Protein backbone atom coordinates (compact mmCIF):
# COMPACT_ATOMS: atom_id res chain seq x y z
CA UNK A 1 -7.56 -4.07 -22.36
CA UNK A 2 -3.79 -3.72 -22.04
CA UNK A 3 -2.47 -0.20 -22.14
CA UNK A 4 0.85 -1.29 -23.65
CA UNK A 5 1.87 -3.61 -26.47
CA UNK A 6 3.94 -6.59 -25.44
CA UNK A 7 7.04 -6.30 -27.64
CA UNK A 8 10.82 -6.29 -27.17
CA UNK A 9 12.81 -3.17 -27.81
CA UNK A 10 16.35 -1.87 -27.65
CA UNK A 11 16.80 1.70 -26.48
CA UNK A 12 19.26 4.15 -25.06
CA UNK A 13 18.22 2.98 -21.61
CA UNK A 14 20.02 -0.32 -22.18
CA UNK A 15 23.47 1.25 -22.55
CA UNK A 16 25.95 0.42 -19.82
CA UNK A 17 27.16 3.10 -17.43
CA UNK A 18 29.68 3.10 -14.59
CA UNK A 19 28.19 2.01 -11.28
CA UNK A 20 28.51 5.48 -9.74
CA UNK A 21 26.61 7.05 -12.64
CA UNK A 22 23.87 4.44 -12.46
CA UNK A 23 23.48 4.93 -8.70
CA UNK A 24 23.25 8.68 -9.23
CA UNK A 25 20.55 8.15 -11.87
CA UNK A 26 18.62 5.83 -9.55
CA UNK A 27 18.81 8.40 -6.77
CA UNK A 28 17.64 11.18 -9.06
CA UNK A 29 14.69 9.13 -10.31
CA UNK A 30 13.83 8.04 -6.74
CA UNK A 31 13.84 11.66 -5.54
CA UNK A 32 11.83 12.78 -8.58
CA UNK A 33 9.15 10.19 -7.84
CA UNK A 34 9.00 11.26 -4.18
CA UNK A 35 8.49 14.87 -5.25
CA UNK A 36 5.74 13.84 -7.67
CA UNK A 37 3.94 11.95 -4.91
CA UNK A 38 4.28 14.67 -2.28
CA UNK A 39 2.89 17.49 -4.42
CA UNK A 40 -0.51 18.03 -5.90
CA UNK A 41 -4.15 17.44 -5.06
CA UNK A 42 -3.79 13.68 -4.63
CA UNK A 43 -1.75 14.11 -1.47
CA UNK A 44 -4.15 16.75 -0.11
CA UNK A 45 -7.16 14.48 -0.67
CA UNK A 46 -5.42 11.50 0.94
CA UNK A 47 -4.29 13.52 3.96
CA UNK A 48 -7.85 14.72 4.51
CA UNK A 49 -9.21 11.19 4.21
CA UNK A 50 -6.57 9.74 6.54
CA UNK A 51 -7.17 12.48 9.09
CA UNK A 52 -10.93 11.83 9.26
CA UNK A 53 -10.67 8.80 11.61
CA UNK A 54 -8.53 10.87 13.98
CA UNK A 55 -11.09 13.67 14.00
CA UNK A 56 -13.90 11.17 14.49
CA UNK A 57 -12.07 9.49 17.38
CA UNK A 58 -11.47 12.83 19.11
CA UNK A 59 -15.14 13.78 18.75
CA UNK A 60 -16.43 10.45 20.07
CA UNK A 61 -14.00 10.48 22.98
CA UNK A 62 -15.05 14.04 23.87
CA UNK A 63 -18.72 13.24 24.38
CA UNK A 64 -20.29 13.36 27.83
CA UNK A 65 -20.42 9.56 27.58
CA UNK A 66 -17.23 8.77 25.63
CA UNK A 67 -17.21 5.86 23.23
CA UNK A 68 -15.15 2.93 24.59
CA UNK A 69 -11.58 3.09 23.35
CA UNK A 70 -11.39 -0.60 22.46
CA UNK A 71 -14.50 -0.35 20.26
CA UNK A 72 -13.03 2.67 18.46
CA UNK A 73 -9.77 0.81 17.99
CA UNK A 74 -11.51 -2.18 16.43
CA UNK A 75 -13.73 -0.07 14.16
CA UNK A 76 -11.20 2.53 13.03
CA UNK A 77 -7.72 1.00 13.33
CA UNK A 78 -8.61 -2.58 12.40
CA UNK A 79 -11.67 -1.89 10.27
CA UNK A 80 -11.55 1.36 8.35
CA UNK A 81 -7.80 1.60 7.75
CA UNK A 82 -6.96 -1.91 6.42
CA UNK A 83 -10.24 -2.33 4.53
CA UNK A 84 -10.45 1.09 2.89
CA UNK A 85 -7.80 3.72 3.57
CA UNK A 86 -4.66 1.57 3.25
CA UNK A 87 -5.61 -0.08 -0.06
CA UNK A 88 -7.01 3.19 -1.42
CA UNK A 89 -3.74 4.99 -0.68
CA UNK A 90 -1.76 2.28 -2.45
CA UNK A 91 -4.20 2.26 -5.37
CA UNK A 92 -4.03 6.00 -5.97
CA UNK A 93 -0.23 6.06 -5.88
CA UNK A 94 0.91 2.69 -7.24
CA UNK A 95 -1.61 2.42 -10.06
CA UNK A 96 -0.54 5.82 -11.36
CA UNK A 97 3.23 5.26 -11.26
CA UNK A 98 3.42 4.62 -15.01
CA UNK A 99 -0.01 5.78 -16.18
CA UNK A 100 0.61 9.30 -14.89
CA UNK A 101 3.86 9.45 -16.85
CA UNK A 102 2.08 8.21 -20.00
CA UNK A 103 -0.81 10.64 -19.67
CA UNK A 104 1.51 13.52 -18.85
CA UNK A 105 3.76 12.60 -21.79
CA UNK A 106 6.80 12.50 -19.49
CA UNK A 107 7.56 8.79 -19.85
CA UNK A 108 9.76 9.67 -22.83
CA UNK A 109 12.30 11.35 -20.59
CA UNK A 110 12.37 8.38 -18.22
CA UNK A 111 12.96 5.88 -21.01
CA UNK A 112 15.73 7.99 -22.49
CA UNK A 113 17.72 7.63 -19.29
CA UNK A 114 20.70 5.29 -19.71
CA UNK A 115 19.14 2.74 -17.35
CA UNK A 116 17.53 -0.66 -17.95
CA UNK A 117 13.77 -0.22 -18.18
CA UNK A 118 13.08 -2.71 -15.40
CA UNK A 119 15.18 -0.69 -12.96
CA UNK A 120 13.12 2.41 -13.77
CA UNK A 121 9.97 0.56 -12.67
CA UNK A 122 11.59 -0.80 -9.50
CA UNK A 123 12.95 2.62 -8.52
CA UNK A 124 9.55 4.28 -8.92
CA UNK A 125 7.91 1.38 -7.07
CA UNK A 126 10.28 1.72 -4.10
CA UNK A 127 9.62 5.45 -3.84
CA UNK A 128 5.87 4.84 -4.06
CA UNK A 129 6.01 2.16 -1.37
CA UNK A 130 7.94 4.51 0.93
CA UNK A 131 5.32 7.24 0.58
CA UNK A 132 2.41 4.83 1.18
CA UNK A 133 4.07 3.26 4.23
CA UNK A 134 4.83 6.66 5.73
CA UNK A 135 1.31 8.03 5.23
CA UNK A 136 -0.47 4.97 6.64
CA UNK A 137 2.04 4.56 9.47
CA UNK A 138 1.92 8.20 10.56
CA UNK A 139 -1.86 8.48 10.59
CA UNK A 140 -2.32 5.07 12.23
CA UNK A 141 -0.03 6.06 15.08
CA UNK A 142 -1.80 9.42 15.34
CA UNK A 143 -5.14 7.61 15.44
CA UNK A 144 -3.95 5.50 18.37
CA UNK A 145 -3.02 8.67 20.21
CA UNK A 146 -6.45 10.18 19.47
CA UNK A 147 -8.26 7.06 20.71
CA UNK A 148 -6.30 6.43 23.90
CA UNK A 149 -5.19 9.96 24.86
CA UNK A 150 -5.71 10.56 28.56
CA UNK A 151 -5.91 6.86 29.42
CA UNK A 152 -3.37 5.37 31.85
CA UNK A 153 -2.40 2.56 29.46
CA UNK A 154 -1.43 4.79 26.52
CA UNK A 155 2.33 4.87 27.15
CA UNK A 156 2.61 1.66 29.14
CA UNK A 157 0.53 -0.74 27.03
CA UNK A 158 -0.89 0.77 23.85
CA UNK A 159 2.15 2.47 22.28
CA UNK A 160 4.78 -0.18 23.13
CA UNK A 161 2.46 -3.18 22.85
CA UNK A 162 0.03 -2.39 20.02
CA UNK A 163 0.55 0.87 18.13
CA UNK A 164 4.02 0.33 16.68
CA UNK A 165 3.32 -3.35 15.94
CA UNK A 166 0.17 -2.38 14.06
CA UNK A 167 2.18 0.16 12.05
CA UNK A 168 4.67 -2.58 11.09
CA UNK A 169 1.88 -4.95 10.04
CA UNK A 170 0.25 -2.22 7.96
CA UNK A 171 3.61 -1.53 6.31
CA UNK A 172 3.68 -5.19 5.29
CA UNK A 173 0.14 -4.82 3.94
CA UNK A 174 1.22 -1.79 1.90
CA UNK A 175 3.96 -3.93 0.37
CA UNK A 176 1.28 -6.28 -0.92
CA UNK A 177 -1.07 -3.54 -2.07
CA UNK A 178 1.61 -1.51 -3.89
CA UNK A 179 2.83 -4.61 -5.70
CA UNK A 180 -0.67 -5.58 -6.77
CA UNK A 181 -1.87 -2.15 -7.86
CA UNK A 182 1.41 -1.36 -9.60
CA UNK A 183 0.86 -4.47 -11.70
CA UNK A 184 -2.76 -3.56 -12.42
CA UNK A 185 -1.57 -0.14 -13.57
CA UNK A 186 0.44 -1.84 -16.32
CA UNK A 187 -2.16 -4.39 -17.38
CA UNK A 188 -5.36 -2.32 -17.42
CA UNK A 189 -6.21 1.08 -18.78
CA UNK A 190 -9.01 1.73 -16.26
CA UNK A 191 -6.96 0.78 -13.23
CA UNK A 192 -9.02 2.68 -10.66
CA UNK A 193 -12.14 0.73 -11.60
CA UNK A 194 -10.28 -2.59 -11.43
CA UNK A 195 -8.62 -1.58 -8.16
CA UNK A 196 -11.82 -0.48 -6.45
CA UNK A 197 -13.50 -3.71 -7.59
CA UNK A 198 -10.66 -5.69 -6.03
CA UNK A 199 -10.85 -3.74 -2.76
CA UNK A 200 -14.62 -4.16 -2.47
CA UNK A 201 -14.98 -7.76 -3.65
CA UNK A 202 -11.85 -9.44 -2.33
CA UNK A 203 -10.65 -7.35 0.60
CA UNK A 204 -14.15 -6.35 1.65
CA UNK A 205 -16.24 -9.46 0.96
CA UNK A 206 -14.09 -12.54 0.38
CA UNK A 207 -11.83 -11.75 3.36
CA UNK A 208 -14.87 -11.93 5.64
CA UNK A 209 -16.04 -15.35 4.44
CA UNK A 210 -14.60 -18.37 6.20
CA UNK A 211 -13.29 -20.38 3.25
CA UNK A 212 -9.95 -21.03 1.59
CA UNK A 213 -10.27 -18.14 -0.88
CA UNK A 214 -9.70 -15.57 1.88
CA UNK A 215 -6.02 -16.62 1.91
CA UNK A 216 -5.68 -14.70 -1.38
CA UNK A 217 -6.41 -11.39 0.35
CA UNK A 218 -4.01 -9.07 2.14
CA UNK A 219 -6.52 -8.37 4.92
CA UNK A 220 -6.50 -12.03 5.94
CA UNK A 221 -2.77 -11.97 6.72
CA UNK A 222 -3.15 -8.58 8.38
CA UNK A 223 -5.74 -10.00 10.77
CA UNK A 224 -3.75 -13.14 11.52
CA UNK A 225 -0.65 -11.09 12.34
CA UNK A 226 -2.70 -8.80 14.55
CA UNK A 227 -3.90 -11.79 16.56
CA UNK A 228 -0.45 -13.43 16.60
CA UNK A 229 1.72 -10.40 17.41
CA UNK A 230 -0.38 -8.03 19.48
CA UNK A 231 -0.62 -8.63 23.21
CA UNK A 232 -4.41 -8.44 23.36
CA UNK A 233 -6.45 -9.08 26.50
CA UNK A 234 -8.13 -12.49 26.38
CA UNK A 235 -11.66 -11.10 26.12
CA UNK A 236 -10.69 -8.69 23.33
CA UNK A 237 -8.91 -11.45 21.40
CA UNK A 238 -11.91 -13.77 21.63
CA UNK A 239 -14.22 -11.00 20.41
CA UNK A 240 -11.99 -10.21 17.43
CA UNK A 241 -11.53 -13.87 16.52
CA UNK A 242 -15.29 -14.29 16.50
CA UNK A 243 -15.88 -11.10 14.51
CA UNK A 244 -13.29 -12.10 11.89
CA UNK A 245 -14.43 -15.75 11.82
CA UNK A 246 -10.92 -17.08 12.41
CA UNK A 247 -9.68 -20.16 14.21
CA UNK A 248 -6.58 -19.73 16.33
CA UNK A 249 -5.81 -23.43 16.07
CA UNK A 250 -5.69 -23.48 12.27
CA UNK A 251 -4.37 -20.01 11.49
CA UNK A 252 -0.87 -19.91 9.94
CA UNK A 253 2.02 -18.89 12.17
CA UNK A 254 3.25 -15.29 12.04
CA UNK A 255 6.51 -16.10 10.17
CA UNK A 256 4.52 -17.99 7.54
CA UNK A 257 2.23 -14.99 7.05
CA UNK A 258 5.17 -12.64 6.62
CA UNK A 259 6.86 -15.04 4.21
CA UNK A 260 3.71 -15.43 2.12
CA UNK A 261 3.08 -11.70 1.77
CA UNK A 262 6.73 -10.85 1.05
CA UNK A 263 7.29 -13.65 -1.48
CA UNK A 264 4.00 -12.99 -3.30
CA UNK A 265 4.66 -9.22 -3.37
CA UNK A 266 8.18 -9.63 -4.72
CA UNK A 267 6.99 -12.10 -7.34
CA UNK A 268 4.31 -9.69 -8.57
CA UNK A 269 6.78 -6.78 -8.55
CA UNK A 270 9.40 -8.72 -10.50
CA UNK A 271 6.77 -9.71 -13.05
CA UNK A 272 5.64 -6.07 -13.31
CA UNK A 273 9.20 -4.85 -13.85
CA UNK A 274 9.71 -7.50 -16.53
CA UNK A 275 6.43 -6.60 -18.23
CA UNK A 276 7.34 -2.90 -18.18
CA UNK A 277 10.74 -3.66 -19.71
CA UNK A 278 9.12 -5.64 -22.55
CA UNK A 279 6.33 -3.16 -23.32
CA UNK A 280 6.18 -0.38 -25.85
CA UNK A 281 4.57 2.95 -24.97
CA UNK A 282 3.44 5.85 -27.12
CA UNK A 283 6.24 8.36 -26.58
CA UNK A 284 6.23 12.10 -26.98
CA UNK A 285 8.24 13.27 -29.98
CA UNK A 286 8.86 16.72 -31.54
CA UNK A 287 6.50 15.75 -34.38
CA UNK A 288 3.67 14.63 -32.05
CA UNK A 289 3.94 17.66 -29.77
CA UNK A 290 4.29 20.24 -32.48
């Protein structure tokens, strides 16, 4: 069921302002959204969840017979993070961009700003994307350090050849996830249920089945870019190709993967901004709050 009624409206937010005033309003809204995302229990829960793989890697590497670093990398960096932690982070933040404002009865104050409604959505989306990219990037890099700390290849091979490239690819994945879950947050009231269903069914199941439908998942392009961009040893690459049921000869090229994710993400985000600008929300008024 839609949480908003599809209907045109004219409001104070559509008044024209000088460019400097509009930029100042965008900056204020951007900073406000960052503060909302970096305070509260949601951030604490996510930080604890994102830190768990690092703690697990340290424990397994500290055993009398340490777990092989490459196995930990495959399971934690290329398994747990893109399949669970990265989409969950985007879901918790992006899906609540507008719903949190509605439930907290603060959307009124956003819509009364002298800004076009679609720019309000885009500004909040950009701030949300920045937070998600930073969280996933920071903890992914930290996880690499935890897995390979004390090994001779950490600073000569892992960090320059794999860690930062993986962070960039995950940032691209967050672009796709934030666009998708931001849209779901506008279209569905129970966004968390819809989002978790998407993560489990598409990113968790469909992405692991070798048929054309996997090209609709973010994880598919993440895996292809990992195999295309990372300088993996031949044996490791063959093992990962087999585990992911991919074919190097038929996989799309890296630029095509980037183009697909970026274009699809921008299309979904533009649609979401348009839908937000054409929707009516129940606003807080002196009569309703009295």
